[in-house]
Amino acid sequence: MSEKESQLTLAFFQLGEQPFAPTADPAYFYATREHRECLFRLWSSIDEQHGIAVVLGNYGSGKTTLLRKLLTGMAADPYRYNTAVVGSPIPSWTSFALLESIVTQFGLRPEKRSFVSYMEALNQYLLANRDRVNTLIIDDAQNLNKRGQLELLRLVQNLETPQHKLLNLVFFAQLEWIRVLQAAPNFEQRIDMTYTLSSLDLQETRNLIEFRLYQAGAHAGRAPVFDDVAVRLIQVYADGNPRVTVTLCRNVLLIAAQIKQRHIGRELVLHTIDKTTVPDPDKRARVAAAVMETMEVPADNLFAEEHEPRRLAVARRSHPQEDRASRLLLRAAKAKQARLDDGH
């Protein structure tokens, strides 16, 4: 969305900020019950210094925002928490390259560049800070897919006193990392806490939309109003993924502002999917099926102009070359059904 388009949306809906910006602003993070539970369990594992914690979830499920909330809490008490972050490890790293990154993130500069001296420097550093909660956080941990990398992390995590671990390890990873962990039982068995984030359900999707609008300064009478069918179609298309939900809502608001319509209904969401998303037959088939469950309209007439907002219908007549796009969802549904009928 360009600056001009963003300003158009803000002006029409009289919003103070963009409610569905693509950045991971903690102020706009809607914490579901799962997010709150995950954060609580993370803090418990970290404060008790139990060792390894893993948070798993699909792209856009809120892992990075949870990480930032964790860092914000730790930064508020720097005397208690000593934290280092490896933002996105490179898959091709050797175990020594990974160790070098860890040591660097803790601010250490060993005189001799060798595995033994780096491990000794880290060990001495953690012992010197044993009265603090030392934590290493690794984001995009699914990039760590080599046996040597996990073996190094196991060795690092073995540093301990008789009372507790000297170093917490907290990993945020995609679900694909599960296979890597299962192939390394010597590491997997040392994991103290694992939490897997699931998709948003229908009510949580509604809550996310309303929360973000509220945070952006939405006022009754001027704010966009997403009806129940619109929210359902957004949830179905996004498959409960918060990032996809936010992106779709951002584009919906832009189109709504362009045609000066505050009510967000089925037609606007379908039109937005047609015009602003990468064609995905499976996703569009799911949406088309959901639409047909919510309306008494024959499938062949699903995208007829009489079922569109008046302004959208006028816009489509002014741009006949766009007529094909408006039937993509129905076509996807028919194609999928044809594959099923053929036994594929």
Protein backbone atom coordinates (compact mmCIF):
# COMPACT_ATOMS: atom_id res chain seq x y z
CA MET A 1 0.00 0.00 0.00
CA SER A 2 1.43 3.37 -1.03
CA GLU A 3 1.56 6.37 1.28
CA LYS A 4 -1.23 8.03 -0.71
CA GLU A 5 -3.44 4.93 -0.47
CA SER A 6 -2.74 4.65 3.24
CA GLN A 7 -3.73 8.26 3.80
CA LEU A 8 -6.93 7.72 1.79
CA THR A 9 -7.87 4.83 4.09
CA LEU A 10 -7.05 6.75 7.27
CA ALA A 11 -8.95 9.84 6.13
CA PHE A 12 -12.10 8.03 5.04
CA PHE A 13 -12.39 5.93 8.18
CA GLN A 14 -10.97 8.70 10.41
CA LEU A 15 -8.31 6.45 11.87
CA GLY A 16 -5.23 7.69 13.66
CA GLU A 17 -3.00 4.91 12.37
CA GLN A 18 -3.03 2.08 9.87
CA PRO A 19 -4.77 -0.76 11.78
CA PHE A 20 -3.45 -3.51 9.52
CA ALA A 21 0.12 -2.42 8.88
CA PRO A 22 2.53 -5.16 7.74
CA THR A 23 5.03 -4.48 10.52
CA ALA A 24 5.07 -6.53 13.75
CA ASP A 25 4.20 -3.64 16.07
CA PRO A 26 3.68 -5.07 19.60
CA ALA A 27 0.95 -2.46 20.20
CA TYR A 28 -1.14 -4.15 17.49
CA PHE A 29 -0.48 -7.71 18.56
CA TYR A 30 -3.71 -9.44 19.50
CA ALA A 31 -2.81 -12.02 22.11
CA THR A 32 -5.05 -15.06 21.83
CA ARG A 33 -5.54 -17.44 24.73
CA GLU A 34 -2.79 -19.58 23.20
CA HIS A 35 -0.38 -16.65 22.94
CA ARG A 36 -0.97 -15.75 26.58
CA GLU A 37 -0.52 -19.34 27.71
CA CYS A 38 2.63 -19.72 25.62
CA LEU A 39 4.14 -16.54 27.05
CA PHE A 40 3.29 -17.64 30.60
CA ARG A 41 4.94 -21.02 30.08
CA LEU A 42 7.99 -19.40 28.49
CA TRP A 43 8.48 -17.10 31.46
CA SER A 44 8.08 -20.03 33.85
CA SER A 45 10.70 -22.09 32.03
CA ILE A 46 13.10 -19.15 31.81
CA ASP A 47 12.73 -18.00 35.40
CA GLU A 48 13.11 -21.53 36.73
CA GLN A 49 16.16 -21.97 34.46
CA HIS A 50 14.94 -25.33 33.21
CA GLY A 51 17.02 -25.21 30.04
CA ILE A 52 15.43 -25.54 26.60
CA ALA A 53 12.09 -24.12 25.45
CA VAL A 54 10.71 -24.40 21.92
CA VAL A 55 7.86 -22.43 20.33
CA LEU A 56 6.56 -23.85 17.04
CA GLY A 57 4.12 -22.34 14.58
CA ASN A 58 3.44 -21.63 10.93
CA TYR A 59 4.59 -18.45 9.22
CA GLY A 60 2.67 -15.45 10.52
CA SER A 61 1.38 -17.16 13.66
CA GLY A 62 2.82 -14.51 16.01
CA LYS A 63 6.14 -16.08 17.03
CA THR A 64 8.24 -12.99 16.34
CA THR A 65 5.90 -10.76 18.32
CA LEU A 66 6.04 -13.18 21.25
CA LEU A 67 9.82 -13.01 21.01
CA ARG A 68 9.71 -9.21 21.13
CA LYS A 69 7.39 -9.24 24.13
CA LEU A 70 9.81 -11.58 25.85
CA LEU A 71 12.72 -9.24 25.11
CA THR A 72 10.73 -6.22 26.30
CA GLY A 73 10.08 -7.93 29.63
CA MET A 74 13.72 -8.90 30.01
CA ALA A 75 14.95 -5.41 29.12
CA ALA A 76 12.79 -4.00 31.92
CA ASP A 77 14.93 -5.87 34.46
CA PRO A 78 18.50 -5.92 33.09
CA TYR A 79 20.03 -6.80 36.46
CA ARG A 80 18.11 -10.06 36.54
CA TYR A 81 18.08 -11.01 32.87
CA ASN A 82 21.14 -11.38 30.66
CA THR A 83 19.99 -12.07 27.11
CA ALA A 84 21.50 -12.68 23.68
CA VAL A 85 19.62 -13.12 20.41
CA VAL A 86 20.62 -14.89 17.21
CA GLY A 87 18.09 -13.43 14.81
CA SER A 88 18.22 -15.83 11.88
CA PRO A 89 20.96 -18.46 11.75
CA ILE A 90 22.33 -19.33 8.34
CA PRO A 91 21.60 -22.98 7.40
CA SER A 92 25.12 -23.48 6.03
CA TRP A 93 26.80 -22.46 9.30
CA THR A 94 29.25 -24.93 10.75
CA SER A 95 28.97 -25.67 14.45
CA PHE A 96 31.91 -23.34 15.05
CA ALA A 97 30.25 -20.54 13.08
CA LEU A 98 27.16 -20.97 15.27
CA LEU A 99 29.30 -20.91 18.42
CA GLU A 100 31.07 -17.80 17.15
CA SER A 101 27.71 -16.06 16.65
CA ILE A 102 26.55 -17.03 20.16
CA VAL A 103 29.76 -15.78 21.77
CA THR A 104 29.59 -12.53 19.78
CA GLN A 105 25.96 -11.90 20.78
CA PHE A 106 26.98 -12.13 24.44
CA GLY A 107 29.63 -9.48 23.74
CA LEU A 108 32.64 -11.77 24.14
CA ARG A 109 35.89 -11.48 22.16
CA PRO A 110 38.13 -14.49 22.92
CA GLU A 111 41.77 -13.88 22.11
CA LYS A 112 42.27 -17.23 20.39
CA ARG A 113 39.92 -18.22 17.56
CA SER A 114 39.34 -21.89 18.32
CA PHE A 115 36.47 -24.09 19.41
CA VAL A 116 38.05 -24.83 22.79
CA SER A 117 38.84 -21.20 23.64
CA TYR A 118 35.35 -20.05 22.58
CA MET A 119 33.66 -22.70 24.71
CA GLU A 120 35.90 -21.87 27.65
CA ALA A 121 35.20 -18.14 27.28
CA LEU A 122 31.45 -18.79 27.20
CA ASN A 123 31.64 -21.11 30.20
CA GLN A 124 33.61 -18.59 32.27
CA TYR A 125 31.25 -15.79 31.26
CA LEU A 126 28.17 -17.76 32.30
CA LEU A 127 29.78 -18.75 35.60
CA ALA A 128 30.62 -15.11 36.29
CA ASN A 129 26.95 -14.27 35.66
CA ARG A 130 25.44 -17.29 37.42
CA ASP A 131 23.36 -15.04 39.68
CA ARG A 132 21.50 -13.72 36.62
CA VAL A 133 19.12 -15.52 34.28
CA ASN A 134 21.23 -16.10 31.17
CA THR A 135 19.16 -16.75 28.05
CA LEU A 136 19.99 -17.32 24.41
CA ILE A 137 17.05 -16.79 22.05
CA ILE A 138 17.21 -18.10 18.48
CA ASP A 139 14.59 -17.04 15.93
CA ASP A 140 13.98 -18.98 12.71
CA ALA A 141 15.51 -21.98 14.43
CA GLN A 142 14.29 -24.24 11.61
CA ASN A 143 17.44 -23.08 9.78
CA LEU A 144 19.42 -25.16 12.27
CA ASN A 145 19.06 -28.47 10.49
CA LYS A 146 22.52 -30.00 10.78
CA ARG A 147 23.46 -32.60 13.39
CA GLY A 148 26.60 -30.65 14.31
CA GLN A 149 24.59 -27.52 15.04
CA LEU A 150 22.25 -29.30 17.44
CA GLU A 151 25.15 -31.13 19.06
CA LEU A 152 26.83 -27.78 19.73
CA LEU A 153 23.63 -26.43 21.30
CA ARG A 154 23.43 -29.55 23.47
CA LEU A 155 26.99 -28.95 24.66
CA VAL A 156 26.29 -25.29 25.36
CA GLN A 157 23.17 -26.16 27.30
CA ASN A 158 25.06 -28.70 29.40
CA LEU A 159 26.86 -25.88 31.20
CA GLU A 160 25.34 -25.86 34.67
CA THR A 161 25.76 -25.56 38.40
CA PRO A 162 24.41 -28.21 40.80
CA GLN A 163 21.31 -26.03 41.25
CA HIS A 164 20.36 -24.95 37.74
CA LYS A 165 21.34 -24.55 34.12
CA LEU A 166 23.73 -21.70 33.40
CA LEU A 167 22.03 -20.95 30.08
CA ASN A 168 18.44 -21.07 28.91
CA LEU A 169 17.88 -21.79 25.23
CA VAL A 170 14.66 -20.48 23.68
CA PHE A 171 13.87 -21.40 20.08
CA PHE A 172 11.19 -19.98 17.80
CA ALA A 173 10.77 -22.20 14.74
CA GLN A 174 8.50 -23.26 11.92
CA LEU A 175 6.69 -26.59 12.21
CA GLU A 176 9.15 -28.16 9.78
CA TRP A 177 11.73 -28.16 12.60
CA ILE A 178 9.84 -31.01 14.27
CA ARG A 179 11.42 -33.49 11.85
CA VAL A 180 14.89 -32.15 12.66
CA LEU A 181 14.27 -32.53 16.40
CA GLN A 182 12.93 -36.05 16.00
CA ALA A 183 16.10 -37.00 14.15
CA ALA A 184 18.21 -35.74 17.08
CA PRO A 185 16.82 -37.55 20.17
CA ASN A 186 19.87 -36.64 22.26
CA PHE A 187 18.83 -33.00 21.90
CA GLU A 188 15.05 -33.48 21.81
CA GLN A 189 15.02 -35.30 25.15
CA ARG A 190 16.55 -32.24 26.82
CA ILE A 191 13.70 -29.94 25.79
CA ASP A 192 11.85 -28.77 28.89
CA MET A 193 8.92 -27.00 27.25
CA THR A 194 7.41 -27.10 23.77
CA TYR A 195 4.42 -25.04 22.68
CA THR A 196 2.79 -25.26 19.25
CA LEU A 197 0.71 -22.27 18.14
CA SER A 198 -2.43 -23.18 16.22
CA SER A 199 -4.59 -21.15 13.84
CA LEU A 200 -7.10 -18.47 14.83
CA ASP A 201 -10.67 -19.66 15.05
CA LEU A 202 -13.63 -17.59 13.87
CA GLN A 203 -14.12 -15.67 17.15
CA GLU A 204 -10.40 -14.97 17.49
CA THR A 205 -10.34 -13.62 13.93
CA ARG A 206 -13.20 -11.28 14.86
CA ASN A 207 -11.37 -10.25 18.03
CA LEU A 208 -8.14 -9.57 16.13
CA ILE A 209 -9.90 -7.31 13.62
CA GLU A 210 -11.78 -5.36 16.28
CA PHE A 211 -8.71 -5.06 18.51
CA ARG A 212 -6.59 -3.61 15.72
CA LEU A 213 -9.31 -1.16 14.71
CA TYR A 214 -9.64 -0.03 18.33
CA GLN A 215 -5.87 0.41 18.63
CA ALA A 216 -5.92 2.56 15.49
CA GLY A 217 -8.51 4.92 16.98
CA ALA A 218 -11.67 3.66 15.30
CA HIS A 219 -14.84 5.53 16.28
CA ALA A 220 -18.45 4.40 15.93
CA GLY A 221 -20.12 5.83 12.86
CA ARG A 222 -16.90 6.28 10.90
CA ALA A 223 -15.07 2.99 11.44
CA PRO A 224 -15.33 0.07 9.04
CA VAL A 225 -17.82 -2.58 10.12
CA PHE A 226 -16.97 -6.19 9.21
CA ASP A 227 -20.14 -8.26 9.15
CA ASP A 228 -20.21 -11.91 10.26
CA VAL A 229 -19.98 -13.35 6.74
CA ALA A 230 -17.00 -11.14 5.90
CA VAL A 231 -15.15 -12.28 9.02
CA ARG A 232 -15.94 -15.90 8.23
CA LEU A 233 -14.59 -15.61 4.68
CA ILE A 234 -11.44 -13.86 5.91
CA GLN A 235 -10.89 -16.63 8.46
CA VAL A 236 -11.47 -19.34 5.85
CA TYR A 237 -9.17 -17.75 3.28
CA ALA A 238 -6.40 -17.05 5.81
CA ASP A 239 -6.89 -20.48 7.40
CA GLY A 240 -6.56 -18.70 10.75
CA ASN A 241 -3.11 -17.28 9.97
CA PRO A 242 -2.80 -13.85 11.66
CA ARG A 243 -0.38 -12.42 9.08
CA VAL A 244 -2.57 -13.42 6.12
CA THR A 245 -5.61 -12.11 7.99
CA VAL A 246 -3.96 -8.72 8.51
CA THR A 247 -2.85 -8.47 4.87
CA LEU A 248 -6.31 -9.30 3.56
CA CYS A 249 -7.97 -6.81 5.92
CA ARG A 250 -5.53 -4.09 4.85
CA ASN A 251 -6.47 -4.58 1.21
CA VAL A 252 -10.17 -4.80 2.03
CA LEU A 253 -10.02 -1.41 3.77
CA LEU A 254 -8.21 0.16 0.83
CA ILE A 255 -10.88 -0.96 -1.63
CA ALA A 256 -13.66 0.03 0.79
CA ALA A 257 -12.16 3.52 1.13
CA GLN A 258 -11.86 3.84 -2.65
CA ILE A 259 -15.56 3.13 -3.15
CA LYS A 260 -16.50 4.99 0.08
CA GLN A 261 -18.18 2.07 1.78
CA ARG A 262 -17.93 1.47 5.53
CA HIS A 263 -19.82 -1.80 5.61
CA ILE A 264 -17.49 -4.69 4.90
CA GLY A 265 -19.46 -7.64 3.63
CA ARG A 266 -19.15 -10.76 1.55
CA GLU A 267 -18.86 -8.96 -1.78
CA LEU A 268 -16.00 -6.72 -0.72
CA VAL A 269 -14.02 -9.62 0.67
CA LEU A 270 -14.54 -11.69 -2.48
CA HIS A 271 -13.59 -8.76 -4.67
CA THR A 272 -10.43 -8.20 -2.60
CA ILE A 273 -9.43 -11.85 -2.87
CA ASP A 274 -9.99 -11.68 -6.64
CA LYS A 275 -7.88 -8.58 -7.15
CA THR A 276 -5.16 -8.64 -4.51
CA THR A 277 -4.13 -12.23 -3.77
CA VAL A 278 -1.95 -14.73 -5.58
CA PRO A 279 -4.30 -17.26 -7.23
CA ASP A 280 -4.53 -20.36 -5.06
CA PRO A 281 -7.20 -22.82 -6.25
CA ASP A 282 -7.44 -24.63 -2.90
CA LYS A 283 -7.87 -21.45 -0.87
CA ARG A 284 -10.37 -20.01 -3.28
CA ALA A 285 -12.29 -23.25 -3.41
CA ARG A 286 -12.60 -23.18 0.40
CA VAL A 287 -13.87 -19.61 0.26
CA ALA A 288 -16.33 -20.40 -2.53
CA ALA A 289 -17.68 -23.33 -0.51
CA ALA A 290 -18.06 -21.10 2.54
CA VAL A 291 -19.90 -18.50 0.47
CA MET A 292 -22.36 -21.02 -0.89
CA GLU A 293 -23.09 -22.15 2.66
CA THR A 294 -24.07 -18.63 3.67
CA MET A 295 -26.27 -17.56 0.76
CA GLU A 296 -29.14 -18.96 -1.24
CA VAL A 297 -27.64 -18.23 -4.63
CA PRO A 298 -26.99 -20.83 -7.33
CA ALA A 299 -23.30 -21.52 -7.72
CA ASP A 300 -23.28 -20.31 -11.33
CA ASN A 301 -24.54 -16.90 -10.17
CA LEU A 302 -22.17 -16.56 -7.25
CA PHE A 303 -20.38 -13.55 -8.69
CA ALA A 304 -23.22 -12.00 -10.69
CA GLU A 305 -23.41 -8.21 -10.51
CA GLU A 306 -26.72 -8.20 -8.63
CA HIS A 307 -24.83 -9.67 -5.65
CA GLU A 308 -22.18 -6.95 -5.63
CA PRO A 309 -22.24 -3.58 -3.90
CA ARG A 310 -23.59 -0.98 -6.30
CA ARG A 311 -20.29 0.91 -6.46
CA LEU A 312 -18.34 -2.26 -7.23
CA ALA A 313 -20.81 -3.19 -9.97
CA VAL A 314 -20.40 0.25 -11.57
CA ALA A 315 -16.61 -0.06 -11.32
CA ARG A 316 -16.73 -3.47 -13.00
CA ARG A 317 -18.88 -2.20 -15.87
CA SER A 318 -16.34 0.58 -16.33
CA HIS A 319 -13.55 -2.03 -16.53
CA PRO A 320 -14.96 -5.02 -18.44
CA GLN A 321 -11.47 -6.52 -18.72
CA GLU A 322 -11.70 -7.32 -15.01
CA ASP A 323 -14.82 -9.46 -15.37
CA ARG A 324 -12.81 -12.68 -15.64
CA ALA A 325 -11.08 -12.06 -12.31
CA SER A 326 -14.38 -11.89 -10.45
CA ARG A 327 -15.12 -15.55 -11.33
CA LEU A 328 -11.83 -17.03 -10.14
CA LEU A 329 -13.22 -18.30 -6.86
CA LEU A 330 -16.13 -20.12 -8.47
CA ARG A 331 -13.86 -21.56 -11.15
CA ALA A 332 -11.50 -22.84 -8.45
CA ALA A 333 -14.36 -24.52 -6.64
CA LYS A 334 -15.56 -26.21 -9.83
CA ALA A 335 -12.03 -27.32 -10.74
CA LYS A 336 -11.48 -28.88 -7.34
CA GLN A 337 -14.83 -30.65 -7.49
CA ALA A 338 -13.99 -31.96 -10.98
CA ARG A 339 -10.72 -33.40 -9.67
CA LEU A 340 -12.61 -35.11 -6.85
CA ASP A 341 -15.17 -36.51 -9.31
CA ASP A 342 -12.34 -37.91 -11.43
CA GLY A 343 -10.85 -39.60 -8.40
CA HIS A 344 -7.70 -37.42 -8.21
